[in-house]
Amino acid sequence: QVQLVESGGGLVQPGGSLRLSCAASGSIFSIDTMGWYRQAVGKQRELVATLTSGGITYYADSVKGRFTISRDNAKNTVYLQMNSLKSEDTAVYYCNADRVYVYSGSYPRNYWGQGTHVTVSS
């Protein structure tokens, strides 16, 4: 079974920075795309950023220029560096791993982490 564990959330003042981490564990052979989503209270979950194993990135317009996604393929870990944080960035941030191949399986699967809270407030 594959598990994703996020860390790094917390309370930060507007203009501050946080770095989220997400480590995938299990009998993982490879992961195609890793990314971050977020869900604010009363809103739908939205895509924040993704990064493929080949290095292709995608960012939501709302975070371009402020957030940076990176990953360590050897460690099956993805990071989200968040700078110039705004109050509207307050949400639960979820890690996602798409098209995960495991040694014992034949079909790739999608996995979610449990979420980590980010609160931007003075």
C-alpha atoms as a PDB file:
ATOM      1  CA  GLN A   1       0.000   0.000   0.000  1.00  0.00           C
ATOM      2  CA  VAL A   2       1.240   3.486  -0.821  1.00  0.00           C
ATOM      3  CA  GLN A   3       0.979   6.294   1.723  1.00  0.00           C
ATOM      4  CA  LEU A   4       1.574  10.009   1.324  1.00  0.00           C
ATOM      5  CA  VAL A   5       2.527  12.012   4.386  1.00  0.00           C
ATOM      6  CA  GLU A   6       2.586  15.802   4.293  1.00  0.00           C
ATOM      7  CA  SER A   7       4.389  18.130   6.663  1.00  0.00           C
ATOM      8  CA  GLY A   8       5.325  21.787   6.962  1.00  0.00           C
ATOM      9  CA  GLY A   9       1.989  23.503   7.391  1.00  0.00           C
ATOM     10  CA  GLY A  10       1.291  26.067  10.062  1.00  0.00           C
ATOM     11  CA  LEU A  11       0.491  29.662  10.831  1.00  0.00           C
ATOM     12  CA  VAL A  12       2.363  32.414   9.024  1.00  0.00           C
ATOM     13  CA  GLN A  13       1.916  36.149   8.648  1.00  0.00           C
ATOM     14  CA  PRO A  14       1.031  37.708   5.298  1.00  0.00           C
ATOM     15  CA  GLY A  15       4.160  38.071   3.190  1.00  0.00           C
ATOM     16  CA  GLY A  16       5.817  35.162   4.929  1.00  0.00           C
ATOM     17  CA  SER A  17       6.995  31.805   3.622  1.00  0.00           C
ATOM     18  CA  LEU A  18       6.378  28.138   4.273  1.00  0.00           C
ATOM     19  CA  ARG A  19       7.734  24.966   2.760  1.00  0.00           C
ATOM     20  CA  LEU A  20       5.518  21.918   2.486  1.00  0.00           C
ATOM     21  CA  SER A  21       6.881  18.411   2.059  1.00  0.00           C
ATOM     22  CA  CYS A  22       5.183  15.197   1.005  1.00  0.00           C
ATOM     23  CA  ALA A  23       6.863  11.823   1.176  1.00  0.00           C
ATOM     24  CA  ALA A  24       5.411   8.790  -0.567  1.00  0.00           C
ATOM     25  CA  SER A  25       6.181   5.404   0.953  1.00  0.00           C
ATOM     26  CA  GLY A  26       5.507   1.813  -0.032  1.00  0.00           C
ATOM     27  CA  SER A  27       6.710  -0.560  -2.710  1.00  0.00           C
ATOM     28  CA  ILE A  28       6.928   2.208  -5.276  1.00  0.00           C
ATOM     29  CA  PHE A  29       8.532   1.616  -8.625  1.00  0.00           C
ATOM     30  CA  SER A  30       7.834   5.046 -10.070  1.00  0.00           C
ATOM     31  CA  ILE A  31       5.529   8.036  -9.823  1.00  0.00           C
ATOM     32  CA  ASP A  32       4.519   9.958 -12.922  1.00  0.00           C
ATOM     33  CA  THR A  33       3.150  13.194 -11.510  1.00  0.00           C
ATOM     34  CA  MET A  34       3.234  14.635  -8.003  1.00  0.00           C
ATOM     35  CA  GLY A  35       1.397  17.735  -7.049  1.00  0.00           C
ATOM     36  CA  TRP A  36      -0.376  19.902  -4.550  1.00  0.00           C
ATOM     37  CA  TYR A  37      -4.024  20.821  -4.252  1.00  0.00           C
ATOM     38  CA  ARG A  38      -5.749  22.976  -1.690  1.00  0.00           C
ATOM     39  CA  GLN A  39      -9.206  23.417  -0.269  1.00  0.00           C
ATOM     40  CA  ALA A  40     -10.344  26.471   1.601  1.00  0.00           C
ATOM     41  CA  VAL A  41     -13.364  26.455   3.886  1.00  0.00           C
ATOM     42  CA  GLY A  42     -16.534  26.510   1.840  1.00  0.00           C
ATOM     43  CA  LYS A  43     -14.719  26.084  -1.469  1.00  0.00           C
ATOM     44  CA  GLN A  44     -13.928  23.244  -3.806  1.00  0.00           C
ATOM     45  CA  ARG A  45     -10.536  21.619  -3.909  1.00  0.00           C
ATOM     46  CA  GLU A  46      -8.328  23.298  -6.482  1.00  0.00           C
ATOM     47  CA  LEU A  47      -5.084  22.474  -8.202  1.00  0.00           C
ATOM     48  CA  VAL A  48      -2.078  24.454  -7.001  1.00  0.00           C
ATOM     49  CA  ALA A  49       0.907  22.946  -8.796  1.00  0.00           C
ATOM     50  CA  THR A  50       2.106  19.720 -10.377  1.00  0.00           C
ATOM     51  CA  LEU A  51       5.452  18.339 -11.469  1.00  0.00           C
ATOM     52  CA  THR A  52       6.012  15.333 -13.699  1.00  0.00           C
ATOM     53  CA  SER A  53       8.897  12.926 -13.387  1.00  0.00           C
ATOM     54  CA  GLY A  54      10.248  14.500 -16.558  1.00  0.00           C
ATOM     55  CA  GLY A  55      10.334  17.957 -15.037  1.00  0.00           C
ATOM     56  CA  ILE A  56       7.237  19.554 -16.537  1.00  0.00           C
ATOM     57  CA  THR A  57       5.563  21.953 -14.121  1.00  0.00           C
ATOM     58  CA  TYR A  58       2.129  23.496 -13.920  1.00  0.00           C
ATOM     59  CA  TYR A  59       1.042  26.316 -11.642  1.00  0.00           C
ATOM     60  CA  ALA A  60      -2.336  27.819 -10.982  1.00  0.00           C
ATOM     61  CA  ASP A  61      -2.426  31.473 -12.024  1.00  0.00           C
ATOM     62  CA  SER A  62      -3.060  32.507  -8.441  1.00  0.00           C
ATOM     63  CA  VAL A  63       0.316  31.167  -7.257  1.00  0.00           C
ATOM     64  CA  LYS A  64       2.574  31.798 -10.261  1.00  0.00           C
ATOM     65  CA  GLY A  65       5.695  33.678  -9.265  1.00  0.00           C
ATOM     66  CA  ARG A  66       5.144  32.978  -5.572  1.00  0.00           C
ATOM     67  CA  PHE A  67       5.123  29.174  -5.240  1.00  0.00           C
ATOM     68  CA  THR A  68       7.733  26.715  -6.475  1.00  0.00           C
ATOM     69  CA  ILE A  69       7.229  22.978  -6.754  1.00  0.00           C
ATOM     70  CA  SER A  70      10.144  20.559  -6.732  1.00  0.00           C
ATOM     71  CA  ARG A  71      10.689  16.875  -6.164  1.00  0.00           C
ATOM     72  CA  ASP A  72      13.310  14.329  -5.263  1.00  0.00           C
ATOM     73  CA  ASN A  73      12.530  11.298  -7.386  1.00  0.00           C
ATOM     74  CA  ALA A  74      14.959   9.092  -5.474  1.00  0.00           C
ATOM     75  CA  LYS A  75      13.085   9.840  -2.254  1.00  0.00           C
ATOM     76  CA  ASN A  76       9.598   9.963  -3.824  1.00  0.00           C
ATOM     77  CA  THR A  77       9.169  13.324  -2.173  1.00  0.00           C
ATOM     78  CA  VAL A  78       7.605  16.519  -3.474  1.00  0.00           C
ATOM     79  CA  TYR A  79       8.007  19.991  -2.023  1.00  0.00           C
ATOM     80  CA  LEU A  80       6.100  23.240  -2.292  1.00  0.00           C
ATOM     81  CA  GLN A  81       7.956  26.419  -1.438  1.00  0.00           C
ATOM     82  CA  MET A  82       5.418  29.137  -0.774  1.00  0.00           C
ATOM     83  CA  ASN A  83       6.591  32.744  -0.659  1.00  0.00           C
ATOM     84  CA  SER A  84       4.767  36.061  -0.374  1.00  0.00           C
ATOM     85  CA  LEU A  85       1.848  34.299   1.234  1.00  0.00           C
ATOM     86  CA  LYS A  86      -1.548  35.973   1.229  1.00  0.00           C
ATOM     87  CA  SER A  87      -4.603  35.456   3.377  1.00  0.00           C
ATOM     88  CA  GLU A  88      -6.330  33.863   0.407  1.00  0.00           C
ATOM     89  CA  ASP A  89      -3.711  31.099   0.456  1.00  0.00           C
ATOM     90  CA  THR A  90      -5.237  29.848   3.712  1.00  0.00           C
ATOM     91  CA  ALA A  91      -6.435  26.292   3.110  1.00  0.00           C
ATOM     92  CA  VAL A  92      -5.797  22.642   3.719  1.00  0.00           C
ATOM     93  CA  TYR A  93      -3.080  21.574   1.310  1.00  0.00           C
ATOM     94  CA  TYR A  94      -3.204  18.054  -0.072  1.00  0.00           C
ATOM     95  CA  CYS A  95      -0.440  16.124  -1.734  1.00  0.00           C
ATOM     96  CA  ASN A  96      -1.299  13.983  -4.741  1.00  0.00           C
ATOM     97  CA  ALA A  97       0.639  11.284  -6.541  1.00  0.00           C
ATOM     98  CA  ASP A  98      -0.721  10.270  -9.926  1.00  0.00           C
ATOM     99  CA  ARG A  99       0.054   7.169 -11.958  1.00  0.00           C
ATOM    100  CA  VAL A 100       1.959   5.438  -9.177  1.00  0.00           C
ATOM    101  CA  TYR A 101       3.460   2.127 -10.229  1.00  0.00           C
ATOM    102  CA  VAL A 102       4.213  -0.406  -7.496  1.00  0.00           C
ATOM    103  CA  TYR A 103       6.387  -3.472  -7.836  1.00  0.00           C
ATOM    104  CA  SER A 104       3.555  -5.906  -7.178  1.00  0.00           C
ATOM    105  CA  GLY A 105       0.871  -4.185  -9.213  1.00  0.00           C
ATOM    106  CA  SER A 106       0.019  -3.973 -12.890  1.00  0.00           C
ATOM    107  CA  TYR A 107      -2.005  -0.775 -13.116  1.00  0.00           C
ATOM    108  CA  PRO A 108      -0.981   2.679 -11.926  1.00  0.00           C
ATOM    109  CA  ARG A 109      -3.082   4.317  -9.230  1.00  0.00           C
ATOM    110  CA  ASN A 110      -3.722   7.732  -7.788  1.00  0.00           C
ATOM    111  CA  TYR A 111      -3.093   8.546  -4.123  1.00  0.00           C
ATOM    112  CA  TRP A 112      -3.849  11.424  -1.758  1.00  0.00           C
ATOM    113  CA  GLY A 113      -2.261  12.593   1.455  1.00  0.00           C
ATOM    114  CA  GLN A 114      -4.241  13.456   4.564  1.00  0.00           C
ATOM    115  CA  GLY A 115      -3.713  17.205   4.203  1.00  0.00           C
ATOM    116  CA  THR A 116      -1.823  19.856   6.110  1.00  0.00           C
ATOM    117  CA  HIS A 117      -3.265  23.156   7.293  1.00  0.00           C
ATOM    118  CA  VAL A 118      -1.820  26.460   6.144  1.00  0.00           C
ATOM    119  CA  THR A 119      -3.133  29.611   7.793  1.00  0.00           C
ATOM    120  CA  VAL A 120      -1.995  33.036   6.641  1.00  0.00           C
ATOM    121  CA  SER A 121      -3.013  35.639   9.179  1.00  0.00           C
ATOM    122  CA  SER A 122      -1.634  38.551  11.135  1.00  0.00           C
END
